[in-house]
Amino acid sequence: MKQFMKVASTNELSPGQCKVAQAGAKTVALYNVEGKLYALDNTCLHRGGPLGEGSITGTVVTCPWHGWQYDVTNGKCMANPSMAVATFSLKVEGDSIMVEV
């Protein structure tokens, strides 16, 4: 059964920033794009790079290891949209960022 878990506080994720967080057994990458929050699996499909340590431009995150890029709004790989990392629903309760796992 899925449930929402607190993974961060809103003051930890300013617009334009990425953050790695633990949500139960999952490691997720959180992104703040102009005040809208997104959560993806933290593992790049190419070689397992940490997406939450990548750079973000607009809605595109670039893996720091080999440059693979993903749209944080849907997890799709920019070079091959048939490939995608998992996305997670999230919500904000007070100052808590909650991810569904």
PDB file of N, CA and C in Angstrom:
ATOM      1  N   MET A   1       0.834  -1.182   0.000  1.00  0.00           N
ATOM      2  CA  MET A   1       0.000   0.000   0.000  1.00  0.00           C
ATOM      3  C   MET A   1       0.882   1.251   0.000  1.00  0.00           C
ATOM      4  N   LYS A   2       0.605   2.157  -0.915  1.00  0.00           N
ATOM      5  CA  LYS A   2       1.407   3.377  -0.995  1.00  0.00           C
ATOM      6  C   LYS A   2       1.006   4.353   0.098  1.00  0.00           C
ATOM      7  N   GLN A   3       1.991   5.137   0.511  1.00  0.00           N
ATOM      8  CA  GLN A   3       1.735   6.164   1.517  1.00  0.00           C
ATOM      9  C   GLN A   3       2.669   7.338   1.268  1.00  0.00           C
ATOM     10  N   PHE A   4       2.314   8.501   1.800  1.00  0.00           N
ATOM     11  CA  PHE A   4       3.160   9.672   1.690  1.00  0.00           C
ATOM     12  C   PHE A   4       4.105   9.723   2.885  1.00  0.00           C
ATOM     13  N   MET A   5       5.377  10.008   2.598  1.00  0.00           N
ATOM     14  CA  MET A   5       6.397  10.133   3.630  1.00  0.00           C
ATOM     15  C   MET A   5       7.070  11.495   3.527  1.00  0.00           C
ATOM     16  N   LYS A   6       7.369  12.105   4.666  1.00  0.00           N
ATOM     17  CA  LYS A   6       8.106  13.359   4.660  1.00  0.00           C
ATOM     18  C   LYS A   6       9.543  13.091   4.234  1.00  0.00           C
ATOM     19  N   VAL A   7      10.015  13.877   3.257  1.00  0.00           N
ATOM     20  CA  VAL A   7      11.382  13.697   2.768  1.00  0.00           C
ATOM     21  C   VAL A   7      12.234  14.953   2.919  1.00  0.00           C
ATOM     22  N   ALA A   8      11.591  16.095   3.100  1.00  0.00           N
ATOM     23  CA  ALA A   8      12.335  17.354   3.224  1.00  0.00           C
ATOM     24  C   ALA A   8      11.388  18.443   3.709  1.00  0.00           C
ATOM     25  N   SER A   9      11.968  19.573   4.032  1.00  0.00           N
ATOM     26  CA  SER A   9      11.194  20.770   4.356  1.00  0.00           C
ATOM     27  C   SER A   9      11.279  21.732   3.181  1.00  0.00           C
ATOM     28  N   THR A  10      10.266  22.527   2.998  1.00  0.00           N
ATOM     29  CA  THR A  10      10.228  23.443   1.860  1.00  0.00           C
ATOM     30  C   THR A  10      11.398  24.419   1.871  1.00  0.00           C
ATOM     31  N   ASN A  11      11.899  24.787   3.055  1.00  0.00           N
ATOM     32  CA  ASN A  11      13.030  25.730   3.110  1.00  0.00           C
ATOM     33  C   ASN A  11      14.344  25.099   2.678  1.00  0.00           C
ATOM     34  N   GLU A  12      14.358  23.780   2.438  1.00  0.00           N
ATOM     35  CA  GLU A  12      15.564  23.082   1.989  1.00  0.00           C
ATOM     36  C   GLU A  12      15.681  23.028   0.469  1.00  0.00           C
ATOM     37  N   LEU A  13      14.659  23.511  -0.251  1.00  0.00           N
ATOM     38  CA  LEU A  13      14.634  23.352  -1.696  1.00  0.00           C
ATOM     39  C   LEU A  13      14.123  24.631  -2.360  1.00  0.00           C
ATOM     40  N   SER A  14      15.043  25.536  -2.621  1.00  0.00           N
ATOM     41  CA  SER A  14      14.706  26.806  -3.262  1.00  0.00           C
ATOM     42  C   SER A  14      14.517  26.609  -4.769  1.00  0.00           C
ATOM     43  N   PRO A  15      13.829  27.534  -5.441  1.00  0.00           N
ATOM     44  CA  PRO A  15      13.681  27.424  -6.898  1.00  0.00           C
ATOM     45  C   PRO A  15      15.035  27.263  -7.594  1.00  0.00           C
ATOM     46  N   GLY A  16      15.072  26.315  -8.546  1.00  0.00           N
ATOM     47  CA  GLY A  16      16.293  26.041  -9.291  1.00  0.00           C
ATOM     48  C   GLY A  16      17.217  25.035  -8.634  1.00  0.00           C
ATOM     49  N   GLN A  17      16.812  24.502  -7.477  1.00  0.00           N
ATOM     50  CA  GLN A  17      17.672  23.572  -6.756  1.00  0.00           C
ATOM     51  C   GLN A  17      17.197  22.124  -6.889  1.00  0.00           C
ATOM     52  N   CYS A  18      18.152  21.207  -6.668  1.00  0.00           N
ATOM     53  CA  CYS A  18      17.906  19.769  -6.606  1.00  0.00           C
ATOM     54  C   CYS A  18      18.296  19.317  -5.205  1.00  0.00           C
ATOM     55  N   LYS A  19      17.703  18.231  -4.755  1.00  0.00           N
ATOM     56  CA  LYS A  19      18.046  17.666  -3.450  1.00  0.00           C
ATOM     57  C   LYS A  19      17.794  16.168  -3.493  1.00  0.00           C
ATOM     58  N   VAL A  20      18.697  15.402  -2.916  1.00  0.00           N
ATOM     59  CA  VAL A  20      18.524  13.958  -2.782  1.00  0.00           C
ATOM     60  C   VAL A  20      17.895  13.691  -1.422  1.00  0.00           C
ATOM     61  N   ALA A  21      16.904  12.794  -1.398  1.00  0.00           N
ATOM     62  CA  ALA A  21      16.225  12.473  -0.148  1.00  0.00           C
ATOM     63  C   ALA A  21      15.905  10.984  -0.112  1.00  0.00           C
ATOM     64  N   GLN A  22      15.762  10.470   1.088  1.00  0.00           N
ATOM     65  CA  GLN A  22      15.397   9.074   1.281  1.00  0.00           C
ATOM     66  C   GLN A  22      13.907   8.997   1.578  1.00  0.00           C
ATOM     67  N   ALA A  23      13.197   8.126   0.860  1.00  0.00           N
ATOM     68  CA  ALA A  23      11.764   7.896   1.081  1.00  0.00           C
ATOM     69  C   ALA A  23      11.575   6.407   1.278  1.00  0.00           C
ATOM     70  N   GLY A  24      11.692   5.963   2.509  1.00  0.00           N
ATOM     71  CA  GLY A  24      11.658   4.533   2.779  1.00  0.00           C
ATOM     72  C   GLY A  24      12.871   3.886   2.145  1.00  0.00           C
ATOM     73  N   ALA A  25      12.646   2.851   1.325  1.00  0.00           N
ATOM     74  CA  ALA A  25      13.742   2.157   0.654  1.00  0.00           C
ATOM     75  C   ALA A  25      14.187   2.862  -0.620  1.00  0.00           C
ATOM     76  N   LYS A  26      13.453   3.870  -1.057  1.00  0.00           N
ATOM     77  CA  LYS A  26      13.754   4.585  -2.304  1.00  0.00           C
ATOM     78  C   LYS A  26      14.599   5.823  -2.037  1.00  0.00           C
ATOM     79  N   THR A  27      15.529   6.090  -2.946  1.00  0.00           N
ATOM     80  CA  THR A  27      16.254   7.351  -2.935  1.00  0.00           C
ATOM     81  C   THR A  27      15.674   8.176  -4.065  1.00  0.00           C
ATOM     82  N   VAL A  28      15.169   9.355  -3.729  1.00  0.00           N
ATOM     83  CA  VAL A  28      14.519  10.203  -4.728  1.00  0.00           C
ATOM     84  C   VAL A  28      15.297  11.496  -4.920  1.00  0.00           C
ATOM     85  N   ALA A  29      15.133  12.049  -6.106  1.00  0.00           N
ATOM     86  CA  ALA A  29      15.708  13.353  -6.429  1.00  0.00           C
ATOM     87  C   ALA A  29      14.554  14.340  -6.470  1.00  0.00           C
ATOM     88  N   LEU A  30      14.659  15.389  -5.690  1.00  0.00           N
ATOM     89  CA  LEU A  30      13.634  16.428  -5.634  1.00  0.00           C
ATOM     90  C   LEU A  30      14.108  17.641  -6.410  1.00  0.00           C
ATOM     91  N   TYR A  31      13.194  18.281  -7.105  1.00  0.00           N
ATOM     92  CA  TYR A  31      13.512  19.464  -7.906  1.00  0.00           C
ATOM     93  C   TYR A  31      12.476  20.542  -7.648  1.00  0.00           C
ATOM     94  N   ASN A  32      12.944  21.779  -7.585  1.00  0.00           N
ATOM     95  CA  ASN A  32      12.063  22.929  -7.486  1.00  0.00           C
ATOM     96  C   ASN A  32      12.239  23.736  -8.767  1.00  0.00           C
ATOM     97  N   VAL A  33      11.224  23.717  -9.611  1.00  0.00           N
ATOM     98  CA  VAL A  33      11.249  24.441 -10.878  1.00  0.00           C
ATOM     99  C   VAL A  33      10.258  25.585 -10.765  1.00  0.00           C
ATOM    100  N   GLU A  34      10.771  26.781 -10.548  1.00  0.00           N
ATOM    101  CA  GLU A  34       9.954  27.985 -10.430  1.00  0.00           C
ATOM    102  C   GLU A  34       8.824  27.804  -9.418  1.00  0.00           C
ATOM    103  N   GLY A  35       9.143  27.162  -8.293  1.00  0.00           N
ATOM    104  CA  GLY A  35       8.176  26.991  -7.223  1.00  0.00           C
ATOM    105  C   GLY A  35       7.339  25.726  -7.312  1.00  0.00           C
ATOM    106  N   LYS A  36       7.412  25.003  -8.415  1.00  0.00           N
ATOM    107  CA  LYS A  36       6.688  23.727  -8.551  1.00  0.00           C
ATOM    108  C   LYS A  36       7.669  22.592  -8.249  1.00  0.00           C
ATOM    109  N   LEU A  37       7.227  21.635  -7.427  1.00  0.00           N
ATOM    110  CA  LEU A  37       8.099  20.560  -6.982  1.00  0.00           C
ATOM    111  C   LEU A  37       7.856  19.275  -7.767  1.00  0.00           C
ATOM    112  N   TYR A  38       8.951  18.546  -8.014  1.00  0.00           N
ATOM    113  CA  TYR A  38       8.905  17.274  -8.730  1.00  0.00           C
ATOM    114  C   TYR A  38       9.800  16.279  -8.018  1.00  0.00           C
ATOM    115  N   ALA A  39       9.470  14.991  -8.157  1.00  0.00           N
ATOM    116  CA  ALA A  39      10.284  13.927  -7.559  1.00  0.00           C
ATOM    117  C   ALA A  39      10.487  12.810  -8.577  1.00  0.00           C
ATOM    118  N   LEU A  40      11.758  12.432  -8.761  1.00  0.00           N
ATOM    119  CA  LEU A  40      12.133  11.342  -9.664  1.00  0.00           C
ATOM    120  C   LEU A  40      12.965  10.330  -8.899  1.00  0.00           C
ATOM    121  N   ASP A  41      13.058   9.126  -9.451  1.00  0.00           N
ATOM    122  CA  ASP A  41      14.033   8.166  -8.949  1.00  0.00           C
ATOM    123  C   ASP A  41      15.406   8.823  -9.111  1.00  0.00           C
ATOM    124  N   ASN A  42      16.279   8.653  -8.157  1.00  0.00           N
ATOM    125  CA  ASN A  42      17.580   9.311  -8.177  1.00  0.00           C
ATOM    126  C   ASN A  42      18.593   8.629  -9.093  1.00  0.00           C
ATOM    127  N   THR A  43      18.227   7.519  -9.727  1.00  0.00           N
ATOM    128  CA  THR A  43      19.195   6.720 -10.479  1.00  0.00           C
ATOM    129  C   THR A  43      19.036   6.888 -11.986  1.00  0.00           C
ATOM    130  N   CYS A  44      20.080   7.377 -12.634  1.00  0.00           N
ATOM    131  CA  CYS A  44      20.107   7.525 -14.086  1.00  0.00           C
ATOM    132  C   CYS A  44      20.034   6.139 -14.736  1.00  0.00           C
ATOM    133  N   LEU A  45      19.295   6.032 -15.827  1.00  0.00           N
ATOM    134  CA  LEU A  45      19.142   4.763 -16.530  1.00  0.00           C
ATOM    135  C   LEU A  45      20.419   4.309 -17.237  1.00  0.00           C
ATOM    136  N   HIS A  46      21.323   5.232 -17.515  1.00  0.00           N
ATOM    137  CA  HIS A  46      22.534   4.897 -18.272  1.00  0.00           C
ATOM    138  C   HIS A  46      23.514   4.073 -17.444  1.00  0.00           C
ATOM    139  N   ARG A  47      24.035   4.650 -16.392  1.00  0.00           N
ATOM    140  CA  ARG A  47      25.033   3.955 -15.571  1.00  0.00           C
ATOM    141  C   ARG A  47      24.792   4.146 -14.076  1.00  0.00           C
ATOM    142  N   GLY A  48      23.571   4.515 -13.714  1.00  0.00           N
ATOM    143  CA  GLY A  48      23.234   4.634 -12.298  1.00  0.00           C
ATOM    144  C   GLY A  48      23.698   5.899 -11.628  1.00  0.00           C
ATOM    145  N   GLY A  49      23.989   6.930 -12.394  1.00  0.00           N
ATOM    146  CA  GLY A  49      24.437   8.200 -11.814  1.00  0.00           C
ATOM    147  C   GLY A  49      23.371   8.832 -10.936  1.00  0.00           C
ATOM    148  N   PRO A  50      23.780   9.696  -9.994  1.00  0.00           N
ATOM    149  CA  PRO A  50      22.867  10.340  -9.057  1.00  0.00           C
ATOM    150  C   PRO A  50      22.206  11.588  -9.663  1.00  0.00           C
ATOM    151  N   LEU A  51      20.982  11.444 -10.151  1.00  0.00           N
ATOM    152  CA  LEU A  51      20.310  12.563 -10.821  1.00  0.00           C
ATOM    153  C   LEU A  51      20.118  13.775  -9.913  1.00  0.00           C
ATOM    154  N   GLY A  52      19.946  13.543  -8.623  1.00  0.00           N
ATOM    155  CA  GLY A  52      19.757  14.649  -7.689  1.00  0.00           C
ATOM    156  C   GLY A  52      21.000  15.497  -7.486  1.00  0.00           C
ATOM    157  N   GLU A  53      22.134  15.049  -7.996  1.00  0.00           N
ATOM    158  CA  GLU A  53      23.372  15.830  -7.936  1.00  0.00           C
ATOM    159  C   GLU A  53      23.655  16.502  -9.275  1.00  0.00           C
ATOM    160  N   GLY A  54      22.733  16.342 -10.221  1.00  0.00           N
ATOM    161  CA  GLY A  54      22.911  16.938 -11.544  1.00  0.00           C
ATOM    162  C   GLY A  54      22.540  18.401 -11.564  1.00  0.00           C
ATOM    163  N   SER A  55      22.742  19.015 -12.723  1.00  0.00           N
ATOM    164  CA  SER A  55      22.357  20.413 -12.895  1.00  0.00           C
ATOM    165  C   SER A  55      20.987  20.453 -13.562  1.00  0.00           C
ATOM    166  N   ILE A  56      20.235  21.491 -13.240  1.00  0.00           N
ATOM    167  CA  ILE A  56      18.897  21.618 -13.813  1.00  0.00           C
ATOM    168  C   ILE A  56      18.785  22.937 -14.556  1.00  0.00           C
ATOM    169  N   THR A  57      18.250  22.853 -15.769  1.00  0.00           N
ATOM    170  CA  THR A  57      17.985  24.035 -16.591  1.00  0.00           C
ATOM    171  C   THR A  57      16.541  23.932 -17.045  1.00  0.00           C
ATOM    172  N   GLY A  58      15.723  24.870 -16.607  1.00  0.00           N
ATOM    173  CA  GLY A  58      14.291  24.762 -16.890  1.00  0.00           C
ATOM    174  C   GLY A  58      13.767  23.511 -16.222  1.00  0.00           C
ATOM    175  N   THR A  59      13.175  22.606 -17.010  1.00  0.00           N
ATOM    176  CA  THR A  59      12.660  21.347 -16.455  1.00  0.00           C
ATOM    177  C   THR A  59      13.557  20.157 -16.794  1.00  0.00           C
ATOM    178  N   VAL A  60      14.763  20.417 -17.275  1.00  0.00           N
ATOM    179  CA  VAL A  60      15.658  19.332 -17.696  1.00  0.00           C
ATOM    180  C   VAL A  60      16.826  19.194 -16.720  1.00  0.00           C
ATOM    181  N   VAL A  61      16.972  17.970 -16.186  1.00  0.00           N
ATOM    182  CA  VAL A  61      18.108  17.674 -15.317  1.00  0.00           C
ATOM    183  C   VAL A  61      19.130  16.896 -16.138  1.00  0.00           C
ATOM    184  N   THR A  62      20.407  17.221 -15.919  1.00  0.00           N
ATOM    185  CA  THR A  62      21.504  16.542 -16.600  1.00  0.00           C
ATOM    186  C   THR A  62      22.271  15.715 -15.582  1.00  0.00           C
ATOM    187  N   CYS A  63      22.384  14.411 -15.857  1.00  0.00           N
ATOM    188  CA  CYS A  63      23.128  13.521 -14.966  1.00  0.00           C
ATOM    189  C   CYS A  63      24.589  13.971 -14.901  1.00  0.00           C
ATOM    190  N   PRO A  64      25.151  14.062 -13.697  1.00  0.00           N
ATOM    191  CA  PRO A  64      26.530  14.538 -13.568  1.00  0.00           C
ATOM    192  C   PRO A  64      27.584  13.553 -14.076  1.00  0.00           C
ATOM    193  N   TRP A  65      27.235  12.297 -14.294  1.00  0.00           N
ATOM    194  CA  TRP A  65      28.233  11.313 -14.709  1.00  0.00           C
ATOM    195  C   TRP A  65      28.488  11.324 -16.205  1.00  0.00           C
ATOM    196  N   HIS A  66      27.457  11.223 -17.017  1.00  0.00           N
ATOM    197  CA  HIS A  66      27.660  11.093 -18.460  1.00  0.00           C
ATOM    198  C   HIS A  66      26.756  11.986 -19.295  1.00  0.00           C
ATOM    199  N   GLY A  67      26.043  12.908 -18.646  1.00  0.00           N
ATOM    200  CA  GLY A  67      25.287  13.910 -19.381  1.00  0.00           C
ATOM    201  C   GLY A  67      23.914  13.512 -19.898  1.00  0.00           C
ATOM    202  N   TRP A  68      23.410  12.353 -19.511  1.00  0.00           N
ATOM    203  CA  TRP A  68      22.056  12.006 -19.937  1.00  0.00           C
ATOM    204  C   TRP A  68      21.085  13.008 -19.325  1.00  0.00           C
ATOM    205  N   GLN A  69      20.062  13.360 -20.082  1.00  0.00           N
ATOM    206  CA  GLN A  69      19.124  14.391 -19.640  1.00  0.00           C
ATOM    207  C   GLN A  69      17.706  13.833 -19.547  1.00  0.00           C
ATOM    208  N   TYR A  70      16.976  14.331 -18.539  1.00  0.00           N
ATOM    209  CA  TYR A  70      15.611  13.895 -18.280  1.00  0.00           C
ATOM    210  C   TYR A  70      14.736  15.104 -17.990  1.00  0.00           C
ATOM    211  N   ASP A  71      13.481  15.013 -18.418  1.00  0.00           N
ATOM    212  CA  ASP A  71      12.485  16.035 -18.093  1.00  0.00           C
ATOM    213  C   ASP A  71      11.928  15.698 -16.712  1.00  0.00           C
ATOM    214  N   VAL A  72      12.098  16.587 -15.747  1.00  0.00           N
ATOM    215  CA  VAL A  72      11.667  16.291 -14.383  1.00  0.00           C
ATOM    216  C   VAL A  72      10.151  16.254 -14.235  1.00  0.00           C
ATOM    217  N   THR A  73       9.416  16.780 -15.200  1.00  0.00           N
ATOM    218  CA  THR A  73       7.955  16.773 -15.099  1.00  0.00           C
ATOM    219  C   THR A  73       7.357  15.401 -15.386  1.00  0.00           C
ATOM    220  N   ASN A  74       8.085  14.553 -16.139  1.00  0.00           N
ATOM    221  CA  ASN A  74       7.531  13.242 -16.497  1.00  0.00           C
ATOM    222  C   ASN A  74       8.565  12.111 -16.464  1.00  0.00           C
ATOM    223  N   GLY A  75       9.824  12.423 -16.188  1.00  0.00           N
ATOM    224  CA  GLY A  75      10.879  11.422 -16.094  1.00  0.00           C
ATOM    225  C   GLY A  75      11.445  10.949 -17.414  1.00  0.00           C
ATOM    226  N   LYS A  76      10.932  11.448 -18.532  1.00  0.00           N
ATOM    227  CA  LYS A  76      11.365  10.957 -19.840  1.00  0.00           C
ATOM    228  C   LYS A  76      12.771  11.417 -20.206  1.00  0.00           C
ATOM    229  N   CYS A  77      13.519  10.490 -20.809  1.00  0.00           N
ATOM    230  CA  CYS A  77      14.863  10.766 -21.300  1.00  0.00           C
ATOM    231  C   CYS A  77      14.737  11.682 -22.518  1.00  0.00           C
ATOM    232  N   MET A  78      15.509  12.743 -22.566  1.00  0.00           N
ATOM    233  CA  MET A  78      15.409  13.703 -23.661  1.00  0.00           C
ATOM    234  C   MET A  78      15.867  13.097 -24.987  1.00  0.00           C
ATOM    235  N   ALA A  79      16.861  12.209 -24.981  1.00  0.00           N
ATOM    236  CA  ALA A  79      17.383  11.610 -26.210  1.00  0.00           C
ATOM    237  C   ALA A  79      16.499  10.467 -26.713  1.00  0.00           C
ATOM    238  N   ASN A  80      15.767   9.833 -25.801  1.00  0.00           N
ATOM    239  CA  ASN A  80      14.916   8.704 -26.166  1.00  0.00           C
ATOM    240  C   ASN A  80      13.694   8.693 -25.249  1.00  0.00           C
ATOM    241  N   PRO A  81      12.622   9.415 -25.616  1.00  0.00           N
ATOM    242  CA  PRO A  81      11.448   9.539 -24.756  1.00  0.00           C
ATOM    243  C   PRO A  81      10.738   8.223 -24.431  1.00  0.00           C
ATOM    244  N   SER A  82      11.102   7.118 -25.103  1.00  0.00           N
ATOM    245  CA  SER A  82      10.503   5.832 -24.740  1.00  0.00           C
ATOM    246  C   SER A  82      11.123   5.285 -23.450  1.00  0.00           C
ATOM    247  N   MET A  83      12.219   5.900 -23.008  1.00  0.00           N
ATOM    248  CA  MET A  83      12.869   5.546 -21.744  1.00  0.00           C
ATOM    249  C   MET A  83      12.535   6.620 -20.716  1.00  0.00           C
ATOM    250  N   ALA A  84      12.282   6.193 -19.486  1.00  0.00           N
ATOM    251  CA  ALA A  84      11.968   7.167 -18.440  1.00  0.00           C
ATOM    252  C   ALA A  84      12.340   6.616 -17.068  1.00  0.00           C
ATOM    253  N   VAL A  85      12.790   7.508 -16.195  1.00  0.00           N
ATOM    254  CA  VAL A  85      12.987   7.140 -14.793  1.00  0.00           C
ATOM    255  C   VAL A  85      11.645   7.292 -14.094  1.00  0.00           C
ATOM    256  N   ALA A  86      11.481   6.579 -12.999  1.00  0.00           N
ATOM    257  CA  ALA A  86      10.225   6.633 -12.250  1.00  0.00           C
ATOM    258  C   ALA A  86      10.000   8.026 -11.675  1.00  0.00           C
ATOM    259  N   THR A  87       8.751   8.439 -11.669  1.00  0.00           N
ATOM    260  CA  THR A  87       8.351   9.690 -11.030  1.00  0.00           C
ATOM    261  C   THR A  87       7.509   9.343  -9.804  1.00  0.00           C
ATOM    262  N   PHE A  88       7.446  10.262  -8.869  1.00  0.00           N
ATOM    263  CA  PHE A  88       6.689  10.042  -7.639  1.00  0.00           C
ATOM    264  C   PHE A  88       5.758  11.220  -7.394  1.00  0.00           C
ATOM    265  N   SER A  89       4.538  10.906  -6.965  1.00  0.00           N
ATOM    266  CA  SER A  89       3.607  11.956  -6.567  1.00  0.00           C
ATOM    267  C   SER A  89       4.136  12.589  -5.293  1.00  0.00           C
ATOM    268  N   LEU A  90       3.890  13.891  -5.158  1.00  0.00           N
ATOM    269  CA  LEU A  90       4.264  14.557  -3.920  1.00  0.00           C
ATOM    270  C   LEU A  90       3.241  15.608  -3.568  1.00  0.00           C
ATOM    271  N   LYS A  91       3.304  16.015  -2.320  1.00  0.00           N
ATOM    272  CA  LYS A  91       2.432  17.084  -1.842  1.00  0.00           C
ATOM    273  C   LYS A  91       3.167  17.829  -0.746  1.00  0.00           C
ATOM    274  N   VAL A  92       2.702  19.035  -0.490  1.00  0.00           N
ATOM    275  CA  VAL A  92       3.267  19.854   0.579  1.00  0.00           C
ATOM    276  C   VAL A  92       2.221  20.001   1.664  1.00  0.00           C
ATOM    277  N   GLU A  93       2.589  19.666   2.885  1.00  0.00           N
ATOM    278  CA  GLU A  93       1.732  19.839   4.060  1.00  0.00           C
ATOM    279  C   GLU A  93       2.475  20.752   5.014  1.00  0.00           C
ATOM    280  N   GLY A  94       1.982  21.968   5.165  1.00  0.00           N
ATOM    281  CA  GLY A  94       2.698  22.941   5.982  1.00  0.00           C
ATOM    282  C   GLY A  94       4.028  23.246   5.328  1.00  0.00           C
ATOM    283  N   ASP A  95       5.130  22.951   6.019  1.00  0.00           N
ATOM    284  CA  ASP A  95       6.450  23.144   5.418  1.00  0.00           C
ATOM    285  C   ASP A  95       7.101  21.797   5.069  1.00  0.00           C
ATOM    286  N   SER A  96       6.318  20.715   5.095  1.00  0.00           N
ATOM    287  CA  SER A  96       6.843  19.382   4.806  1.00  0.00           C
ATOM    288  C   SER A  96       6.584  18.979   3.352  1.00  0.00           C
ATOM    289  N   ILE A  97       7.651  18.490   2.685  1.00  0.00           N
ATOM    290  CA  ILE A  97       7.511  17.913   1.362  1.00  0.00           C
ATOM    291  C   ILE A  97       7.305  16.418   1.560  1.00  0.00           C
ATOM    292  N   MET A  98       6.184  15.910   1.048  1.00  0.00           N
ATOM    293  CA  MET A  98       5.798  14.522   1.227  1.00  0.00           C
ATOM    294  C   MET A  98       5.808  13.815  -0.128  1.00  0.00           C
ATOM    295  N   VAL A  99       6.458  12.642  -0.216  1.00  0.00           N
ATOM    296  CA  VAL A  99       6.533  11.869  -1.444  1.00  0.00           C
ATOM    297  C   VAL A  99       5.779  10.555  -1.237  1.00  0.00           C
ATOM    298  N   GLU A 100       5.013  10.153  -2.260  1.00  0.00           N
ATOM    299  CA  GLU A 100       4.276   8.903  -2.196  1.00  0.00           C
ATOM    300  C   GLU A 100       5.153   7.736  -2.627  1.00  0.00           C
ATOM    301  N   VAL A 101       5.317   6.770  -1.736  1.00  0.00           N
ATOM    302  CA  VAL A 101       6.103   5.565  -2.057  1.00  0.00           C
ATOM    303  C   VAL A 101       5.324   4.319  -1.676  1.00  0.00           C
TER     304      VAL A 101
END
